[in-house]
Amino acid sequence: LDGVITTTGEPAARNRRIGHTATGTTTANRT
């Protein structure tokens, strides 16, 4: 997810927030 968000220009704060709060399955679905 970090890689996807980086390439699409999403803010780093959102990157950290999703990475720490989402389960693996939910995170994968959001990409």
ModelCIF file with pLDDT and N, C-alpha, C, O atoms, coordinates in Angstrom:
data_MODEL
#
_entry.id   MODEL 
#
_entity.id                         1 
_entity.type                       polymer 
_entity.pdbx_number_of_molecules   1 
#
_entity_poly.entity_id                      1 
_entity_poly.type                           'polypeptide(L)' 
_entity_poly.nstd_linkage                   no 
_entity_poly.nstd_monomer                   no 
_entity_poly.pdbx_seq_one_letter_code       LDGVITTTGEPAARNRRIGHTATGTTTANRT 
_entity_poly.pdbx_seq_one_letter_code_can   LDGVITTTGEPAARNRRIGHTATGTTTANRT 
_entity_poly.pdbx_strand_id                 A 
#
loop_
_entity_poly_seq.entity_id 
_entity_poly_seq.num 
_entity_poly_seq.mon_id 
_entity_poly_seq.hetero 
1 1  LEU n 
1 2  ASP n 
1 3  GLY n 
1 4  VAL n 
1 5  ILE n 
1 6  THR n 
1 7  THR n 
1 8  THR n 
1 9  GLY n 
1 10 GLU n 
1 11 PRO n 
1 12 ALA n 
1 13 ALA n 
1 14 ARG n 
1 15 ASN n 
1 16 ARG n 
1 17 ARG n 
1 18 ILE n 
1 19 GLY n 
1 20 HIS n 
1 21 THR n 
1 22 ALA n 
1 23 THR n 
1 24 GLY n 
1 25 THR n 
1 26 THR n 
1 27 THR n 
1 28 ALA n 
1 29 ASN n 
1 30 ARG n 
1 31 THR n 
#
_struct_asym.id          A 
_struct_asym.entity_id   1 
#
loop_
_ma_qa_metric.id 
_ma_qa_metric.mode 
_ma_qa_metric.name 
_ma_qa_metric.software_group_id 
_ma_qa_metric.type 
1 global pLDDT . pLDDT 
2 local  pLDDT . pLDDT 
#
_ma_qa_metric_global.metric_id      1 
_ma_qa_metric_global.metric_value   40.23 
_ma_qa_metric_global.model_id       1 
_ma_qa_metric_global.ordinal_id     1 
#
loop_
_ma_qa_metric_local.label_asym_id 
_ma_qa_metric_local.label_comp_id 
_ma_qa_metric_local.label_seq_id 
_ma_qa_metric_local.metric_id 
_ma_qa_metric_local.metric_value 
_ma_qa_metric_local.model_id 
_ma_qa_metric_local.ordinal_id 
A LEU 1  2 58.00 1 1  
A ASP 2  2 59.00 1 2  
A GLY 3  2 56.00 1 3  
A VAL 4  2 60.00 1 4  
A ILE 5  2 55.00 1 5  
A THR 6  2 49.00 1 6  
A THR 7  2 47.00 1 7  
A THR 8  2 45.00 1 8  
A GLY 9  2 44.00 1 9  
A GLU 10 2 45.00 1 10 
A PRO 11 2 42.00 1 11 
A ALA 12 2 43.00 1 12 
A ALA 13 2 41.00 1 13 
A ARG 14 2 39.00 1 14 
A ASN 15 2 39.00 1 15 
A ARG 16 2 38.00 1 16 
A ARG 17 2 35.00 1 17 
A ILE 18 2 33.00 1 18 
A GLY 19 2 34.00 1 19 
A HIS 20 2 34.00 1 20 
A THR 21 2 32.00 1 21 
A ALA 22 2 32.00 1 22 
A THR 23 2 33.00 1 23 
A GLY 24 2 34.00 1 24 
A THR 25 2 34.00 1 25 
A THR 26 2 32.00 1 26 
A THR 27 2 31.00 1 27 
A ALA 28 2 33.00 1 28 
A ASN 29 2 33.00 1 29 
A ARG 30 2 28.00 1 30 
A THR 31 2 29.00 1 31 
#
loop_
_atom_site.group_PDB 
_atom_site.id 
_atom_site.type_symbol 
_atom_site.label_atom_id 
_atom_site.label_alt_id 
_atom_site.label_comp_id 
_atom_site.label_asym_id 
_atom_site.label_entity_id 
_atom_site.label_seq_id 
_atom_site.pdbx_PDB_ins_code 
_atom_site.Cartn_x 
_atom_site.Cartn_y 
_atom_site.Cartn_z 
_atom_site.occupancy 
_atom_site.B_iso_or_equiv 
_atom_site.pdbx_formal_charge 
_atom_site.auth_seq_id 
_atom_site.auth_comp_id 
_atom_site.auth_asym_id 
_atom_site.auth_atom_id 
_atom_site.pdbx_PDB_model_num 
ATOM 1   N N  . LEU A 1 1  ? 0.829  -1.200 0.000  1.00 58.00 ? 1  LEU A N  1 
ATOM 2   C CA . LEU A 1 1  ? 0.000  0.000  0.000  1.00 58.00 ? 1  LEU A CA 1 
ATOM 3   C C  . LEU A 1 1  ? 0.862  1.249  0.000  1.00 58.00 ? 1  LEU A C  1 
ATOM 4   O O  . LEU A 1 1  ? 0.547  2.227  -0.677 1.00 58.00 ? 1  LEU A O  1 
ATOM 5   N N  . ASP A 1 2  ? 1.961  1.216  0.767  1.00 59.00 ? 2  ASP A N  1 
ATOM 6   C CA . ASP A 1 2  ? 2.873  2.362  0.775  1.00 59.00 ? 2  ASP A CA 1 
ATOM 7   C C  . ASP A 1 2  ? 3.317  2.689  -0.638 1.00 59.00 ? 2  ASP A C  1 
ATOM 8   O O  . ASP A 1 2  ? 3.338  3.852  -1.039 1.00 59.00 ? 2  ASP A O  1 
ATOM 9   N N  . GLY A 1 3  ? 3.677  1.642  -1.400 1.00 56.00 ? 3  GLY A N  1 
ATOM 10  C CA . GLY A 1 3  ? 4.140  1.869  -2.761 1.00 56.00 ? 3  GLY A CA 1 
ATOM 11  C C  . GLY A 1 3  ? 3.062  2.443  -3.648 1.00 56.00 ? 3  GLY A C  1 
ATOM 12  O O  . GLY A 1 3  ? 3.331  3.340  -4.446 1.00 56.00 ? 3  GLY A O  1 
ATOM 13  N N  . VAL A 1 4  ? 1.831  1.937  -3.522 1.00 60.00 ? 4  VAL A N  1 
ATOM 14  C CA . VAL A 1 4  ? 0.735  2.430  -4.349 1.00 60.00 ? 4  VAL A CA 1 
ATOM 15  C C  . VAL A 1 4  ? 0.435  3.882  -4.030 1.00 60.00 ? 4  VAL A C  1 
ATOM 16  O O  . VAL A 1 4  ? 0.263  4.699  -4.934 1.00 60.00 ? 4  VAL A O  1 
ATOM 17  N N  . ILE A 1 5  ? 0.372  4.204  -2.744 1.00 55.00 ? 5  ILE A N  1 
ATOM 18  C CA . ILE A 1 5  ? 0.034  5.575  -2.356 1.00 55.00 ? 5  ILE A CA 1 
ATOM 19  C C  . ILE A 1 5  ? 1.133  6.536  -2.773 1.00 55.00 ? 5  ILE A C  1 
ATOM 20  O O  . ILE A 1 5  ? 0.854  7.659  -3.192 1.00 55.00 ? 5  ILE A O  1 
ATOM 21  N N  . THR A 1 6  ? 2.377  6.103  -2.660 1.00 49.00 ? 6  THR A N  1 
ATOM 22  C CA . THR A 1 6  ? 3.483  6.965  -3.082 1.00 49.00 ? 6  THR A CA 1 
ATOM 23  C C  . THR A 1 6  ? 3.380  7.296  -4.559 1.00 49.00 ? 6  THR A C  1 
ATOM 24  O O  . THR A 1 6  ? 3.575  8.445  -4.955 1.00 49.00 ? 6  THR A O  1 
ATOM 25  N N  . THR A 1 7  ? 3.077  6.305  -5.370 1.00 47.00 ? 7  THR A N  1 
ATOM 26  C CA . THR A 1 7  ? 3.036  6.548  -6.807 1.00 47.00 ? 7  THR A CA 1 
ATOM 27  C C  . THR A 1 7  ? 1.817  7.344  -7.231 1.00 47.00 ? 7  THR A C  1 
ATOM 28  O O  . THR A 1 7  ? 1.825  7.965  -8.293 1.00 47.00 ? 7  THR A O  1 
ATOM 29  N N  . THR A 1 8  ? 0.764  7.337  -6.415 1.00 45.00 ? 8  THR A N  1 
ATOM 30  C CA . THR A 1 8  ? -0.422 8.107  -6.783 1.00 45.00 ? 8  THR A CA 1 
ATOM 31  C C  . THR A 1 8  ? -0.463 9.467  -6.108 1.00 45.00 ? 8  THR A C  1 
ATOM 32  O O  . THR A 1 8  ? -1.419 10.222 -6.282 1.00 45.00 ? 8  THR A O  1 
ATOM 33  N N  . GLY A 1 9  ? 0.576  9.782  -5.335 1.00 44.00 ? 9  GLY A N  1 
ATOM 34  C CA . GLY A 1 9  ? 0.675  11.119 -4.777 1.00 44.00 ? 9  GLY A CA 1 
ATOM 35  C C  . GLY A 1 9  ? -0.149 11.364 -3.540 1.00 44.00 ? 9  GLY A C  1 
ATOM 36  O O  . GLY A 1 9  ? -0.377 12.520 -3.182 1.00 44.00 ? 9  GLY A O  1 
ATOM 37  N N  . GLU A 1 10 ? -0.614 10.306 -2.859 1.00 45.00 ? 10 GLU A N  1 
ATOM 38  C CA . GLU A 1 10 ? -1.389 10.493 -1.641 1.00 45.00 ? 10 GLU A CA 1 
ATOM 39  C C  . GLU A 1 10 ? -0.477 11.016 -0.531 1.00 45.00 ? 10 GLU A C  1 
ATOM 40  O O  . GLU A 1 10 ? 0.713  10.702 -0.527 1.00 45.00 ? 10 GLU A O  1 
ATOM 41  N N  . PRO A 1 11 ? -1.000 11.800 0.402  1.00 42.00 ? 11 PRO A N  1 
ATOM 42  C CA . PRO A 1 11 ? -0.186 12.336 1.496  1.00 42.00 ? 11 PRO A CA 1 
ATOM 43  C C  . PRO A 1 11 ? 0.391  11.226 2.366  1.00 42.00 ? 11 PRO A C  1 
ATOM 44  O O  . PRO A 1 11 ? -0.221 10.173 2.546  1.00 42.00 ? 11 PRO A O  1 
ATOM 45  N N  . ALA A 1 12 ? 1.568  11.481 2.895  1.00 43.00 ? 12 ALA A N  1 
ATOM 46  C CA . ALA A 1 12 ? 2.225  10.488 3.745  1.00 43.00 ? 12 ALA A CA 1 
ATOM 47  C C  . ALA A 1 12 ? 1.431  10.224 5.009  1.00 43.00 ? 12 ALA A C  1 
ATOM 48  O O  . ALA A 1 12 ? 1.437  9.105  5.524  1.00 43.00 ? 12 ALA A O  1 
ATOM 49  N N  . ALA A 1 13 ? 0.731  11.262 5.526  1.00 41.00 ? 13 ALA A N  1 
ATOM 50  C CA . ALA A 1 13 ? -0.050 11.073 6.748  1.00 41.00 ? 13 ALA A CA 1 
ATOM 51  C C  . ALA A 1 13 ? -1.133 10.027 6.541  1.00 41.00 ? 13 ALA A C  1 
ATOM 52  O O  . ALA A 1 13 ? -1.348 9.167  7.396  1.00 41.00 ? 13 ALA A O  1 
ATOM 53  N N  . ARG A 1 14 ? -1.820 10.104 5.393  1.00 39.00 ? 14 ARG A N  1 
ATOM 54  C CA . ARG A 1 14 ? -2.844 9.095  5.084  1.00 39.00 ? 14 ARG A CA 1 
ATOM 55  C C  . ARG A 1 14 ? -2.196 7.725  4.965  1.00 39.00 ? 14 ARG A C  1 
ATOM 56  O O  . ARG A 1 14 ? -2.748 6.717  5.406  1.00 39.00 ? 14 ARG A O  1 
ATOM 57  N N  . ASN A 1 15 ? -1.009 7.708  4.360  1.00 39.00 ? 15 ASN A N  1 
ATOM 58  C CA . ASN A 1 15 ? -0.266 6.460  4.222  1.00 39.00 ? 15 ASN A CA 1 
ATOM 59  C C  . ASN A 1 15 ? -0.071 5.813  5.589  1.00 39.00 ? 15 ASN A C  1 
ATOM 60  O O  . ASN A 1 15 ? -0.356 4.628  5.763  1.00 39.00 ? 15 ASN A O  1 
ATOM 61  N N  . ARG A 1 16 ? 0.413  6.583  6.556  1.00 38.00 ? 16 ARG A N  1 
ATOM 62  C CA . ARG A 1 16 ? 0.684  6.032  7.881  1.00 38.00 ? 16 ARG A CA 1 
ATOM 63  C C  . ARG A 1 16 ? -0.605 5.617  8.587  1.00 38.00 ? 16 ARG A C  1 
ATOM 64  O O  . ARG A 1 16 ? -0.653 4.588  9.261  1.00 38.00 ? 16 ARG A O  1 
ATOM 65  N N  . ARG A 1 17 ? -1.646 6.432  8.423  1.00 35.00 ? 17 ARG A N  1 
ATOM 66  C CA . ARG A 1 17 ? -2.893 6.161  9.119  1.00 35.00 ? 17 ARG A CA 1 
ATOM 67  C C  . ARG A 1 17 ? -3.493 4.824  8.682  1.00 35.00 ? 17 ARG A C  1 
ATOM 68  O O  . ARG A 1 17 ? -3.883 4.012  9.521  1.00 35.00 ? 17 ARG A O  1 
ATOM 69  N N  . ILE A 1 18 ? -3.564 4.598  7.379  1.00 33.00 ? 18 ILE A N  1 
ATOM 70  C CA . ILE A 1 18 ? -4.126 3.339  6.872  1.00 33.00 ? 18 ILE A CA 1 
ATOM 71  C C  . ILE A 1 18 ? -3.221 2.169  7.240  1.00 33.00 ? 18 ILE A C  1 
ATOM 72  O O  . ILE A 1 18 ? -3.702 1.103  7.625  1.00 33.00 ? 18 ILE A O  1 
ATOM 73  N N  . GLY A 1 19 ? -1.935 2.367  7.122  1.00 34.00 ? 19 GLY A N  1 
ATOM 74  C CA . GLY A 1 19 ? -1.006 1.282  7.417  1.00 34.00 ? 19 GLY A CA 1 
ATOM 75  C C  . GLY A 1 19 ? -1.103 0.789  8.844  1.00 34.00 ? 19 GLY A C  1 
ATOM 76  O O  . GLY A 1 19 ? -0.918 -0.401 9.101  1.00 34.00 ? 19 GLY A O  1 
ATOM 77  N N  . HIS A 1 20 ? -1.398 1.707  9.804  1.00 34.00 ? 20 HIS A N  1 
ATOM 78  C CA . HIS A 1 20 ? -1.427 1.306  11.205 1.00 34.00 ? 20 HIS A CA 1 
ATOM 79  C C  . HIS A 1 20 ? -2.790 0.841  11.670 1.00 34.00 ? 20 HIS A C  1 
ATOM 80  O O  . HIS A 1 20 ? -2.881 0.088  12.640 1.00 34.00 ? 20 HIS A O  1 
ATOM 81  N N  . THR A 1 21 ? -3.867 1.272  10.998 1.00 32.00 ? 21 THR A N  1 
ATOM 82  C CA . THR A 1 21 ? -5.195 0.961  11.525 1.00 32.00 ? 21 THR A CA 1 
ATOM 83  C C  . THR A 1 21 ? -5.919 -0.130 10.771 1.00 32.00 ? 21 THR A C  1 
ATOM 84  O O  . THR A 1 21 ? -6.796 -0.787 11.332 1.00 32.00 ? 21 THR A O  1 
ATOM 85  N N  . ALA A 1 22 ? -5.579 -0.338 9.528  1.00 32.00 ? 22 ALA A N  1 
ATOM 86  C CA . ALA A 1 22 ? -6.319 -1.324 8.732  1.00 32.00 ? 22 ALA A CA 1 
ATOM 87  C C  . ALA A 1 22 ? -5.729 -2.704 8.910  1.00 32.00 ? 22 ALA A C  1 
ATOM 88  O O  . ALA A 1 22 ? -4.531 -2.855 9.148  1.00 32.00 ? 22 ALA A O  1 
ATOM 89  N N  . THR A 1 23 ? -6.576 -3.709 8.794  1.00 33.00 ? 23 THR A N  1 
ATOM 90  C CA . THR A 1 23 ? -6.066 -5.073 8.754  1.00 33.00 ? 23 THR A CA 1 
ATOM 91  C C  . THR A 1 23 ? -5.439 -5.305 7.395  1.00 33.00 ? 23 THR A C  1 
ATOM 92  O O  . THR A 1 23 ? -5.615 -4.514 6.469  1.00 33.00 ? 23 THR A O  1 
ATOM 93  N N  . GLY A 1 24 ? -4.704 -6.399 7.289  1.00 34.00 ? 24 GLY A N  1 
ATOM 94  C CA . GLY A 1 24 ? -4.075 -6.691 5.998  1.00 34.00 ? 24 GLY A CA 1 
ATOM 95  C C  . GLY A 1 24 ? -5.087 -6.794 4.883  1.00 34.00 ? 24 GLY A C  1 
ATOM 96  O O  . GLY A 1 24 ? -4.864 -6.275 3.790  1.00 34.00 ? 24 GLY A O  1 
ATOM 97  N N  . THR A 1 25 ? -6.218 -7.471 5.149  1.00 34.00 ? 25 THR A N  1 
ATOM 98  C CA . THR A 1 25 ? -7.213 -7.671 4.105  1.00 34.00 ? 25 THR A CA 1 
ATOM 99  C C  . THR A 1 25 ? -7.834 -6.352 3.684  1.00 34.00 ? 25 THR A C  1 
ATOM 100 O O  . THR A 1 25 ? -7.967 -6.078 2.492  1.00 34.00 ? 25 THR A O  1 
ATOM 101 N N  . THR A 1 26 ? -8.218 -5.531 4.660  1.00 32.00 ? 26 THR A N  1 
ATOM 102 C CA . THR A 1 26 ? -8.841 -4.248 4.335  1.00 32.00 ? 26 THR A CA 1 
ATOM 103 C C  . THR A 1 26 ? -7.879 -3.364 3.565  1.00 32.00 ? 26 THR A C  1 
ATOM 104 O O  . THR A 1 26 ? -8.263 -2.720 2.588  1.00 32.00 ? 26 THR A O  1 
ATOM 105 N N  . THR A 1 27 ? -6.628 -3.332 4.003  1.00 31.00 ? 27 THR A N  1 
ATOM 106 C CA . THR A 1 27 ? -5.634 -2.509 3.324  1.00 31.00 ? 27 THR A CA 1 
ATOM 107 C C  . THR A 1 27 ? -5.488 -2.926 1.875  1.00 31.00 ? 27 THR A C  1 
ATOM 108 O O  . THR A 1 27 ? -5.438 -2.084 0.978  1.00 31.00 ? 27 THR A O  1 
ATOM 109 N N  . ALA A 1 28 ? -5.419 -4.242 1.647  1.00 33.00 ? 28 ALA A N  1 
ATOM 110 C CA . ALA A 1 28 ? -5.253 -4.718 0.272  1.00 33.00 ? 28 ALA A CA 1 
ATOM 111 C C  . ALA A 1 28 ? -6.441 -4.315 -0.583 1.00 33.00 ? 28 ALA A C  1 
ATOM 112 O O  . ALA A 1 28 ? -6.265 -3.905 -1.730 1.00 33.00 ? 28 ALA A O  1 
ATOM 113 N N  . ASN A 1 29 ? -7.648 -4.425 -0.043 1.00 33.00 ? 29 ASN A N  1 
ATOM 114 C CA . ASN A 1 29 ? -8.829 -4.073 -0.813 1.00 33.00 ? 29 ASN A CA 1 
ATOM 115 C C  . ASN A 1 29 ? -8.828 -2.603 -1.207 1.00 33.00 ? 29 ASN A C  1 
ATOM 116 O O  . ASN A 1 29 ? -9.305 -2.254 -2.287 1.00 33.00 ? 29 ASN A O  1 
ATOM 117 N N  . ARG A 1 30 ? -8.306 -1.748 -0.359 1.00 28.00 ? 30 ARG A N  1 
ATOM 118 C CA . ARG A 1 30 ? -8.334 -0.319 -0.647 1.00 28.00 ? 30 ARG A CA 1 
ATOM 119 C C  . ARG A 1 30 ? -7.384 0.078  -1.764 1.00 28.00 ? 30 ARG A C  1 
ATOM 120 O O  . ARG A 1 30 ? -7.470 1.189  -2.286 1.00 28.00 ? 30 ARG A O  1 
ATOM 121 N N  . THR A 1 31 ? -6.487 -0.812 -2.131 1.00 29.00 ? 31 THR A N  1 
ATOM 122 C CA . THR A 1 31 ? -5.550 -0.472 -3.200 1.00 29.00 ? 31 THR A CA 1 
ATOM 123 C C  . THR A 1 31 ? -6.103 -0.789 -4.568 1.00 29.00 ? 31 THR A C  1 
ATOM 124 O O  . THR A 1 31 ? -5.431 -0.559 -5.574 1.00 29.00 ? 31 THR A O  1 
#
